[in-house]
PDB file of all heavy atoms in Angstrom:
ATOM      1  N   GLY A   1     -27.685  28.202 -59.199  1.00  0.00           N
ATOM      2  CA  GLY A   1     -27.485  28.330 -60.617  1.00  0.00           C
ATOM      3  C   GLY A   1     -27.948  27.060 -61.411  1.00  0.00           C
ATOM      4  O   GLY A   1     -28.550  27.157 -62.515  1.00  0.00           O
ATOM      5  N   ALA A   2     -27.724  25.876 -60.847  1.00  0.00           N
ATOM      6  CA  ALA A   2     -28.166  24.653 -61.492  1.00  0.00           C
ATOM      7  C   ALA A   2     -29.688  24.566 -61.564  1.00  0.00           C
ATOM      8  O   ALA A   2     -30.274  24.166 -62.524  1.00  0.00           O
ATOM      9  CB  ALA A   2     -27.588  23.433 -60.747  1.00  0.00           C
ATOM     10  N   LEU A   3     -30.285  24.983 -60.465  1.00  0.00           N
ATOM     11  CA  LEU A   3     -31.744  24.823 -60.537  1.00  0.00           C
ATOM     12  C   LEU A   3     -32.466  25.758 -61.475  1.00  0.00           C
ATOM     13  O   LEU A   3     -33.360  25.502 -62.202  1.00  0.00           O
ATOM     14  CB  LEU A   3     -32.385  25.122 -59.079  1.00  0.00           C
ATOM     15  CG  LEU A   3     -33.777  25.040 -58.774  1.00  0.00           C
ATOM     16  CD1 LEU A   3     -34.316  23.700 -59.281  1.00  0.00           C
ATOM     17  CD2 LEU A   3     -34.178  25.503 -57.389  1.00  0.00           C
ATOM     18  N   HIS A   4     -31.856  26.969 -61.542  1.00  0.00           N
ATOM     19  CA  HIS A   4     -32.449  28.042 -62.558  1.00  0.00           C
ATOM     20  C   HIS A   4     -32.204  27.504 -63.910  1.00  0.00           C
ATOM     21  O   HIS A   4     -33.031  27.595 -64.821  1.00  0.00           O
ATOM     22  CB  HIS A   4     -31.696  29.406 -62.333  1.00  0.00           C
ATOM     23  CG  HIS A   4     -32.103  30.049 -61.120  1.00  0.00           C
ATOM     24  ND1 HIS A   4     -31.358  31.056 -60.626  1.00  0.00           N
ATOM     25  CD2 HIS A   4     -33.170  29.936 -60.207  1.00  0.00           C
ATOM     26  CE1 HIS A   4     -31.931  31.515 -59.463  1.00  0.00           C
ATOM     27  NE2 HIS A   4     -32.977  30.869 -59.333  1.00  0.00           N
ATOM     28  N   LEU A   5     -30.934  26.876 -64.152  1.00  0.00           N
ATOM     29  CA  LEU A   5     -30.682  26.414 -65.584  1.00  0.00           C
ATOM     30  C   LEU A   5     -31.677  25.188 -65.828  1.00  0.00           C
ATOM     31  O   LEU A   5     -32.164  25.173 -67.023  1.00  0.00           O
ATOM     32  CB  LEU A   5     -29.253  25.938 -65.594  1.00  0.00           C
ATOM     33  CG  LEU A   5     -28.705  25.484 -66.997  1.00  0.00           C
ATOM     34  CD1 LEU A   5     -28.644  26.650 -67.964  1.00  0.00           C
ATOM     35  CD2 LEU A   5     -27.339  24.891 -66.889  1.00  0.00           C
ATOM     36  N   HIS A   6     -31.948  24.288 -64.896  1.00  0.00           N
ATOM     37  CA  HIS A   6     -32.871  23.256 -65.058  1.00  0.00           C
ATOM     38  C   HIS A   6     -34.328  23.824 -65.500  1.00  0.00           C
ATOM     39  O   HIS A   6     -34.957  23.425 -66.400  1.00  0.00           O
ATOM     40  CB  HIS A   6     -32.862  22.453 -63.843  1.00  0.00           C
ATOM     41  CG  HIS A   6     -34.138  21.624 -63.710  1.00  0.00           C
ATOM     42  ND1 HIS A   6     -34.350  20.479 -64.528  1.00  0.00           N
ATOM     43  CD2 HIS A   6     -35.216  21.480 -62.862  1.00  0.00           C
ATOM     44  CE1 HIS A   6     -35.561  19.976 -64.089  1.00  0.00           C
ATOM     45  NE2 HIS A   6     -35.990  20.593 -63.203  1.00  0.00           N
ATOM     46  N   GLU A   7     -34.748  24.817 -64.689  1.00  0.00           N
ATOM     47  CA  GLU A   7     -36.052  25.244 -64.937  1.00  0.00           C
ATOM     48  C   GLU A   7     -36.267  26.021 -66.227  1.00  0.00           C
ATOM     49  O   GLU A   7     -37.341  25.910 -66.900  1.00  0.00           O
ATOM     50  CB  GLU A   7     -36.453  26.082 -63.707  1.00  0.00           C
ATOM     51  CG  GLU A   7     -36.632  25.545 -62.459  1.00  0.00           C
ATOM     52  CD  GLU A   7     -36.912  26.359 -61.262  1.00  0.00           C
ATOM     53  OE1 GLU A   7     -36.705  27.511 -61.329  1.00  0.00           O
ATOM     54  OE2 GLU A   7     -37.329  25.849 -60.150  1.00  0.00           O
ATOM     55  N   LEU A   8     -35.182  26.814 -66.629  1.00  0.00           N
ATOM     56  CA  LEU A   8     -35.258  27.682 -67.816  1.00  0.00           C
ATOM     57  C   LEU A   8     -35.040  26.838 -68.993  1.00  0.00           C
ATOM     58  O   LEU A   8     -35.390  27.277 -70.242  1.00  0.00           O
ATOM     59  CB  LEU A   8     -34.093  28.789 -67.713  1.00  0.00           C
ATOM     60  CG  LEU A   8     -34.385  29.919 -66.689  1.00  0.00           C
ATOM     61  CD1 LEU A   8     -33.148  30.664 -66.591  1.00  0.00           C
ATOM     62  CD2 LEU A   8     -35.719  30.692 -67.030  1.00  0.00           C
ATOM     63  N   THR A   9     -34.563  25.600 -69.078  1.00  0.00           N
ATOM     64  CA  THR A   9     -34.276  24.966 -70.207  1.00  0.00           C
ATOM     65  C   THR A   9     -35.011  23.600 -70.314  1.00  0.00           C
ATOM     66  O   THR A   9     -34.903  22.890 -71.335  1.00  0.00           O
ATOM     67  CB  THR A   9     -32.835  24.554 -70.318  1.00  0.00           C
ATOM     68  OG1 THR A   9     -32.416  23.716 -69.193  1.00  0.00           O
ATOM     69  CG2 THR A   9     -31.868  25.873 -70.294  1.00  0.00           C
ATOM     70  N   ARG A  10     -35.864  23.321 -69.336  1.00  0.00           N
ATOM     71  CA  ARG A  10     -36.540  21.955 -69.300  1.00  0.00           C
ATOM     72  C   ARG A  10     -37.499  21.711 -70.430  1.00  0.00           C
ATOM     73  O   ARG A  10     -37.707  20.580 -70.988  1.00  0.00           O
ATOM     74  CB  ARG A  10     -37.199  21.746 -68.027  1.00  0.00           C
ATOM     75  CG  ARG A  10     -38.373  22.736 -67.791  1.00  0.00           C
ATOM     76  CD  ARG A  10     -39.016  22.360 -66.421  1.00  0.00           C
ATOM     77  NE  ARG A  10     -39.401  21.063 -66.303  1.00  0.00           N
ATOM     78  CZ  ARG A  10     -39.556  20.450 -65.179  1.00  0.00           C
ATOM     79  NH1 ARG A  10     -39.382  21.010 -64.073  1.00  0.00           N
ATOM     80  NH2 ARG A  10     -40.031  19.105 -65.122  1.00  0.00           N
ATOM     81  N   GLU A  11     -37.970  22.757 -71.175  1.00  0.00           N
ATOM     82  CA  GLU A  11     -38.796  22.595 -72.373  1.00  0.00           C
ATOM     83  C   GLU A  11     -38.101  22.712 -73.606  1.00  0.00           C
ATOM     84  O   GLU A  11     -38.708  22.468 -74.692  1.00  0.00           O
ATOM     85  CB  GLU A  11     -39.934  23.715 -72.303  1.00  0.00           C
ATOM     86  CG  GLU A  11     -40.756  23.884 -71.038  1.00  0.00           C
ATOM     87  CD  GLU A  11     -41.483  22.576 -70.721  1.00  0.00           C
ATOM     88  OE1 GLU A  11     -41.801  21.973 -71.768  1.00  0.00           O
ATOM     89  OE2 GLU A  11     -41.609  22.193 -69.571  1.00  0.00           O
ATOM     90  N   LEU A  12     -36.746  22.892 -73.524  1.00  0.00           N
ATOM     91  CA  LEU A  12     -35.972  22.858 -74.717  1.00  0.00           C
ATOM     92  C   LEU A  12     -35.436  21.459 -75.051  1.00  0.00           C
ATOM     93  O   LEU A  12     -35.318  20.765 -74.181  1.00  0.00           O
ATOM     94  CB  LEU A  12     -34.840  23.812 -74.583  1.00  0.00           C
ATOM     95  CG  LEU A  12     -35.135  25.246 -74.143  1.00  0.00           C
ATOM     96  CD1 LEU A  12     -33.802  26.244 -74.086  1.00  0.00           C
ATOM     97  CD2 LEU A  12     -35.988  25.951 -75.152  1.00  0.00           C
ATOM     98  N   GLU A  13     -35.258  21.223 -76.286  1.00  0.00           N
ATOM     99  CA  GLU A  13     -34.710  20.041 -76.800  1.00  0.00           C
ATOM    100  C   GLU A  13     -33.208  20.020 -76.721  1.00  0.00           C
ATOM    101  O   GLU A  13     -32.491  20.011 -77.741  1.00  0.00           O
ATOM    102  CB  GLU A  13     -35.122  19.566 -78.054  1.00  0.00           C
ATOM    103  CG  GLU A  13     -36.665  19.242 -78.086  1.00  0.00           C
ATOM    104  CD  GLU A  13     -37.184  18.828 -79.461  1.00  0.00           C
ATOM    105  OE1 GLU A  13     -36.322  18.669 -80.375  1.00  0.00           O
ATOM    106  OE2 GLU A  13     -38.414  18.722 -79.658  1.00  0.00           O
ATOM    107  N   LEU A  14     -32.629  19.910 -75.396  1.00  0.00           N
ATOM    108  CA  LEU A  14     -31.192  19.913 -75.335  1.00  0.00           C
ATOM    109  C   LEU A  14     -30.559  18.658 -75.644  1.00  0.00           C
ATOM    110  O   LEU A  14     -31.123  17.646 -75.534  1.00  0.00           O
ATOM    111  CB  LEU A  14     -30.840  20.345 -73.787  1.00  0.00           C
ATOM    112  CG  LEU A  14     -31.293  21.583 -73.084  1.00  0.00           C
ATOM    113  CD1 LEU A  14     -30.861  21.708 -71.739  1.00  0.00           C
ATOM    114  CD2 LEU A  14     -30.782  22.732 -74.046  1.00  0.00           C
ATOM    115  N   SER A  15     -29.357  18.772 -76.231  1.00  0.00           N
ATOM    116  CA  SER A  15     -28.621  17.440 -76.511  1.00  0.00           C
ATOM    117  C   SER A  15     -27.706  17.104 -75.267  1.00  0.00           C
ATOM    118  O   SER A  15     -27.526  15.823 -75.060  1.00  0.00           O
ATOM    119  CB  SER A  15     -27.553  17.710 -77.600  1.00  0.00           C
ATOM    120  OG  SER A  15     -26.701  18.720 -77.290  1.00  0.00           O
ATOM    121  N   ALA A  16     -27.582  17.939 -74.412  1.00  0.00           N
ATOM    122  CA  ALA A  16     -26.641  17.571 -73.125  1.00  0.00           C
ATOM    123  C   ALA A  16     -27.073  18.710 -71.996  1.00  0.00           C
ATOM    124  O   ALA A  16     -27.287  19.800 -72.398  1.00  0.00           O
ATOM    125  CB  ALA A  16     -25.156  17.444 -73.392  1.00  0.00           C
ATOM    126  N   PHE A  17     -27.061  18.237 -70.793  1.00  0.00           N
ATOM    127  CA  PHE A  17     -27.034  19.039 -69.653  1.00  0.00           C
ATOM    128  C   PHE A  17     -25.980  18.638 -68.542  1.00  0.00           C
ATOM    129  O   PHE A  17     -26.265  17.465 -67.942  1.00  0.00           O
ATOM    130  CB  PHE A  17     -28.581  18.919 -69.028  1.00  0.00           C
ATOM    131  CG  PHE A  17     -28.887  19.878 -67.957  1.00  0.00           C
ATOM    132  CD1 PHE A  17     -29.480  21.089 -68.145  1.00  0.00           C
ATOM    133  CD2 PHE A  17     -28.482  19.575 -66.619  1.00  0.00           C
ATOM    134  CE1 PHE A  17     -29.776  21.944 -67.107  1.00  0.00           C
ATOM    135  CE2 PHE A  17     -28.800  20.421 -65.519  1.00  0.00           C
ATOM    136  CZ  PHE A  17     -29.492  21.704 -65.852  1.00  0.00           C
ATOM    137  N   VAL A  18     -24.872  19.285 -68.602  1.00  0.00           N
ATOM    138  CA  VAL A  18     -23.747  18.730 -67.821  1.00  0.00           C
ATOM    139  C   VAL A  18     -23.450  19.702 -66.653  1.00  0.00           C
ATOM    140  O   VAL A  18     -23.337  20.892 -66.734  1.00  0.00           O
ATOM    141  CB  VAL A  18     -22.444  18.829 -68.642  1.00  0.00           C
ATOM    142  CG1 VAL A  18     -21.185  18.220 -68.092  1.00  0.00           C
ATOM    143  CG2 VAL A  18     -22.720  18.092 -70.096  1.00  0.00           C
ATOM    144  N   LEU A  19     -23.438  19.098 -65.557  1.00  0.00           N
ATOM    145  CA  LEU A  19     -23.040  19.636 -64.231  1.00  0.00           C
ATOM    146  C   LEU A  19     -21.830  19.296 -63.661  1.00  0.00           C
ATOM    147  O   LEU A  19     -21.326  18.177 -63.795  1.00  0.00           O
ATOM    148  CB  LEU A  19     -24.237  19.257 -63.234  1.00  0.00           C
ATOM    149  CG  LEU A  19     -25.612  19.570 -63.564  1.00  0.00           C
ATOM    150  CD1 LEU A  19     -26.635  18.854 -62.615  1.00  0.00           C
ATOM    151  CD2 LEU A  19     -25.922  21.100 -63.348  1.00  0.00           C
ATOM    152  N   PHE A  20     -21.040  20.288 -63.313  1.00  0.00           N
ATOM    153  CA  PHE A  20     -19.591  20.128 -62.594  1.00  0.00           C
ATOM    154  C   PHE A  20     -19.848  19.951 -61.163  1.00  0.00           C
ATOM    155  O   PHE A  20     -19.963  20.960 -60.435  1.00  0.00           O
ATOM    156  CB  PHE A  20     -18.683  21.135 -63.028  1.00  0.00           C
ATOM    157  CG  PHE A  20     -17.966  20.894 -64.313  1.00  0.00           C
ATOM    158  CD1 PHE A  20     -18.505  20.166 -65.340  1.00  0.00           C
ATOM    159  CD2 PHE A  20     -16.684  21.336 -64.568  1.00  0.00           C
ATOM    160  CE1 PHE A  20     -17.872  19.899 -66.488  1.00  0.00           C
ATOM    161  CE2 PHE A  20     -16.040  21.141 -65.755  1.00  0.00           C
ATOM    162  CZ  PHE A  20     -16.635  20.398 -66.778  1.00  0.00           C
ATOM    163  N   SER A  21     -19.902  18.766 -60.671  1.00  0.00           N
ATOM    164  CA  SER A  21     -19.960  18.528 -59.232  1.00  0.00           C
ATOM    165  C   SER A  21     -18.601  18.188 -58.676  1.00  0.00           C
ATOM    166  O   SER A  21     -17.596  18.591 -59.254  1.00  0.00           O
ATOM    167  CB  SER A  21     -20.981  17.318 -59.056  1.00  0.00           C
ATOM    168  OG  SER A  21     -21.124  16.900 -57.699  1.00  0.00           O
ATOM    169  N   SER A  22     -18.488  17.506 -57.573  1.00  0.00           N
ATOM    170  CA  SER A  22     -17.232  17.141 -56.968  1.00  0.00           C
ATOM    171  C   SER A  22     -17.404  15.835 -56.179  1.00  0.00           C
ATOM    172  O   SER A  22     -18.498  15.482 -55.637  1.00  0.00           O
ATOM    173  CB  SER A  22     -16.900  18.160 -55.934  1.00  0.00           C
ATOM    174  OG  SER A  22     -15.824  17.793 -55.138  1.00  0.00           O
ATOM    175  N   ALA A  23     -16.295  15.117 -56.135  1.00  0.00           N
ATOM    176  CA  ALA A  23     -16.275  13.837 -55.421  1.00  0.00           C
ATOM    177  C   ALA A  23     -16.601  14.025 -53.937  1.00  0.00           C
ATOM    178  O   ALA A  23     -16.874  13.141 -53.233  1.00  0.00           O
ATOM    179  CB  ALA A  23     -14.955  13.193 -55.563  1.00  0.00           C
ATOM    180  N   ALA A  24     -16.402  15.295 -53.531  1.00  0.00           N
ATOM    181  CA  ALA A  24     -16.765  15.711 -52.108  1.00  0.00           C
ATOM    182  C   ALA A  24     -18.333  15.358 -51.752  1.00  0.00           C
ATOM    183  O   ALA A  24     -18.597  15.107 -50.713  1.00  0.00           O
ATOM    184  CB  ALA A  24     -16.533  17.032 -51.749  1.00  0.00           C
ATOM    185  N   GLY A  25     -19.062  15.442 -52.820  1.00  0.00           N
ATOM    186  CA  GLY A  25     -20.525  15.061 -52.608  1.00  0.00           C
ATOM    187  C   GLY A  25     -20.833  13.612 -52.330  1.00  0.00           C
ATOM    188  O   GLY A  25     -21.787  13.297 -51.777  1.00  0.00           O
ATOM    189  N   THR A  26     -19.866  12.859 -52.794  1.00  0.00           N
ATOM    190  CA  THR A  26     -20.016  11.375 -52.487  1.00  0.00           C
ATOM    191  C   THR A  26     -19.254  10.885 -51.262  1.00  0.00           C
ATOM    192  O   THR A  26     -19.710  10.115 -50.457  1.00  0.00           O
ATOM    193  CB  THR A  26     -19.432  10.549 -53.763  1.00  0.00           C
ATOM    194  OG1 THR A  26     -20.295  10.938 -54.919  1.00  0.00           O
ATOM    195  CG2 THR A  26     -19.460   9.001 -53.473  1.00  0.00           C
ATOM    196  N   PHE A  27     -17.951  11.375 -51.224  1.00  0.00           N
ATOM    197  CA  PHE A  27     -17.127  10.878 -50.114  1.00  0.00           C
ATOM    198  C   PHE A  27     -17.057  11.754 -48.820  1.00  0.00           C
ATOM    199  O   PHE A  27     -16.558  11.362 -47.818  1.00  0.00           O
ATOM    200  CB  PHE A  27     -15.661  10.744 -50.682  1.00  0.00           C
ATOM    201  CG  PHE A  27     -15.497   9.655 -51.665  1.00  0.00           C
ATOM    202  CD1 PHE A  27     -15.103  10.113 -53.016  1.00  0.00           C
ATOM    203  CD2 PHE A  27     -15.625   8.287 -51.499  1.00  0.00           C
ATOM    204  CE1 PHE A  27     -15.013   9.151 -54.042  1.00  0.00           C
ATOM    205  CE2 PHE A  27     -15.530   7.438 -52.515  1.00  0.00           C
ATOM    206  CZ  PHE A  27     -15.215   7.835 -53.883  1.00  0.00           C
ATOM    207  N   GLY A  28     -17.594  12.962 -49.054  1.00  0.00           N
ATOM    208  CA  GLY A  28     -17.380  13.980 -47.955  1.00  0.00           C
ATOM    209  C   GLY A  28     -16.105  14.557 -47.939  1.00  0.00           C
ATOM    210  O   GLY A  28     -15.172  14.042 -48.804  1.00  0.00           O
ATOM    211  N   SER A  29     -15.833  15.637 -47.367  1.00  0.00           N
ATOM    212  CA  SER A  29     -14.446  16.262 -47.369  1.00  0.00           C
ATOM    213  C   SER A  29     -14.344  17.064 -46.129  1.00  0.00           C
ATOM    214  O   SER A  29     -15.109  17.804 -45.794  1.00  0.00           O
ATOM    215  CB  SER A  29     -14.388  17.089 -48.700  1.00  0.00           C
ATOM    216  OG  SER A  29     -13.143  17.775 -48.711  1.00  0.00           O
ATOM    217  N   SER A  30     -13.100  16.901 -45.483  1.00  0.00           N
ATOM    218  CA  SER A  30     -12.961  17.511 -44.221  1.00  0.00           C
ATOM    219  C   SER A  30     -13.073  18.986 -44.286  1.00  0.00           C
ATOM    220  O   SER A  30     -12.508  19.611 -45.148  1.00  0.00           O
ATOM    221  CB  SER A  30     -11.510  17.082 -43.698  1.00  0.00           C
ATOM    222  OG  SER A  30     -11.563  15.721 -43.473  1.00  0.00           O
ATOM    223  N   GLY A  31     -13.908  19.554 -43.508  1.00  0.00           N
ATOM    224  CA  GLY A  31     -14.099  20.934 -43.407  1.00  0.00           C
ATOM    225  C   GLY A  31     -14.899  21.633 -44.489  1.00  0.00           C
ATOM    226  O   GLY A  31     -14.955  22.880 -44.609  1.00  0.00           O
ATOM    227  N   GLN A  32     -15.501  20.781 -45.319  1.00  0.00           N
ATOM    228  CA  GLN A  32     -16.194  21.321 -46.545  1.00  0.00           C
ATOM    229  C   GLN A  32     -17.608  20.654 -46.454  1.00  0.00           C
ATOM    230  O   GLN A  32     -18.140  20.372 -47.523  1.00  0.00           O
ATOM    231  CB  GLN A  32     -15.618  20.774 -47.800  1.00  0.00           C
ATOM    232  CG  GLN A  32     -14.189  21.573 -47.986  1.00  0.00           C
ATOM    233  CD  GLN A  32     -13.598  21.313 -49.343  1.00  0.00           C
ATOM    234  OE1 GLN A  32     -13.596  20.320 -49.835  1.00  0.00           O
ATOM    235  NE2 GLN A  32     -12.864  22.403 -49.920  1.00  0.00           N
ATOM    236  N   GLY A  33     -18.289  20.815 -45.312  1.00  0.00           N
ATOM    237  CA  GLY A  33     -19.616  20.264 -45.245  1.00  0.00           C
ATOM    238  C   GLY A  33     -20.553  21.017 -46.252  1.00  0.00           C
ATOM    239  O   GLY A  33     -21.476  20.355 -46.777  1.00  0.00           O
ATOM    240  N   ASN A  34     -20.558  22.172 -46.277  1.00  0.00           N
ATOM    241  CA  ASN A  34     -21.341  23.104 -47.126  1.00  0.00           C
ATOM    242  C   ASN A  34     -21.115  22.771 -48.612  1.00  0.00           C
ATOM    243  O   ASN A  34     -21.960  22.567 -49.348  1.00  0.00           O
ATOM    244  CB  ASN A  34     -21.166  24.660 -46.809  1.00  0.00           C
ATOM    245  CG  ASN A  34     -19.689  24.989 -46.815  1.00  0.00           C
ATOM    246  OD1 ASN A  34     -18.723  24.236 -46.976  1.00  0.00           O
ATOM    247  ND2 ASN A  34     -19.607  26.224 -46.490  1.00  0.00           N
ATOM    248  N   TYR A  35     -19.765  22.635 -48.976  1.00  0.00           N
ATOM    249  CA  TYR A  35     -19.418  22.378 -50.303  1.00  0.00           C
ATOM    250  C   TYR A  35     -19.921  20.929 -50.781  1.00  0.00           C
ATOM    251  O   TYR A  35     -20.386  20.729 -51.818  1.00  0.00           O
ATOM    252  CB  TYR A  35     -17.982  22.564 -50.556  1.00  0.00           C
ATOM    253  CG  TYR A  35     -17.356  22.393 -51.900  1.00  0.00           C
ATOM    254  CD1 TYR A  35     -17.665  23.248 -52.908  1.00  0.00           C
ATOM    255  CD2 TYR A  35     -16.612  21.274 -52.190  1.00  0.00           C
ATOM    256  CE1 TYR A  35     -17.307  22.989 -54.246  1.00  0.00           C
ATOM    257  CE2 TYR A  35     -16.175  21.056 -53.424  1.00  0.00           C
ATOM    258  CZ  TYR A  35     -16.401  21.912 -54.573  1.00  0.00           C
ATOM    259  OH  TYR A  35     -15.933  21.792 -55.780  1.00  0.00           O
ATOM    260  N   ALA A  36     -19.698  19.995 -49.779  1.00  0.00           N
ATOM    261  CA  ALA A  36     -20.177  18.664 -50.094  1.00  0.00           C
ATOM    262  C   ALA A  36     -21.709  18.534 -50.317  1.00  0.00           C
ATOM    263  O   ALA A  36     -22.115  17.756 -51.288  1.00  0.00           O
ATOM    264  CB  ALA A  36     -19.644  17.764 -48.993  1.00  0.00           C
ATOM    265  N   ALA A  37     -22.356  19.300 -49.593  1.00  0.00           N
ATOM    266  CA  ALA A  37     -23.859  19.262 -49.581  1.00  0.00           C
ATOM    267  C   ALA A  37     -24.289  19.877 -50.996  1.00  0.00           C
ATOM    268  O   ALA A  37     -25.207  19.390 -51.624  1.00  0.00           O
ATOM    269  CB  ALA A  37     -24.520  19.993 -48.393  1.00  0.00           C
TER     270      ALA A  37
END
């Protein structure tokens, strides 16, 4: 979803491009290797 949004809007003059990530991507999270990645 994020990659498609990036590719489809990169030529537009956006004021913001906001992604909702998770702290799991920074710290890791037990049992959530796929989600963290």
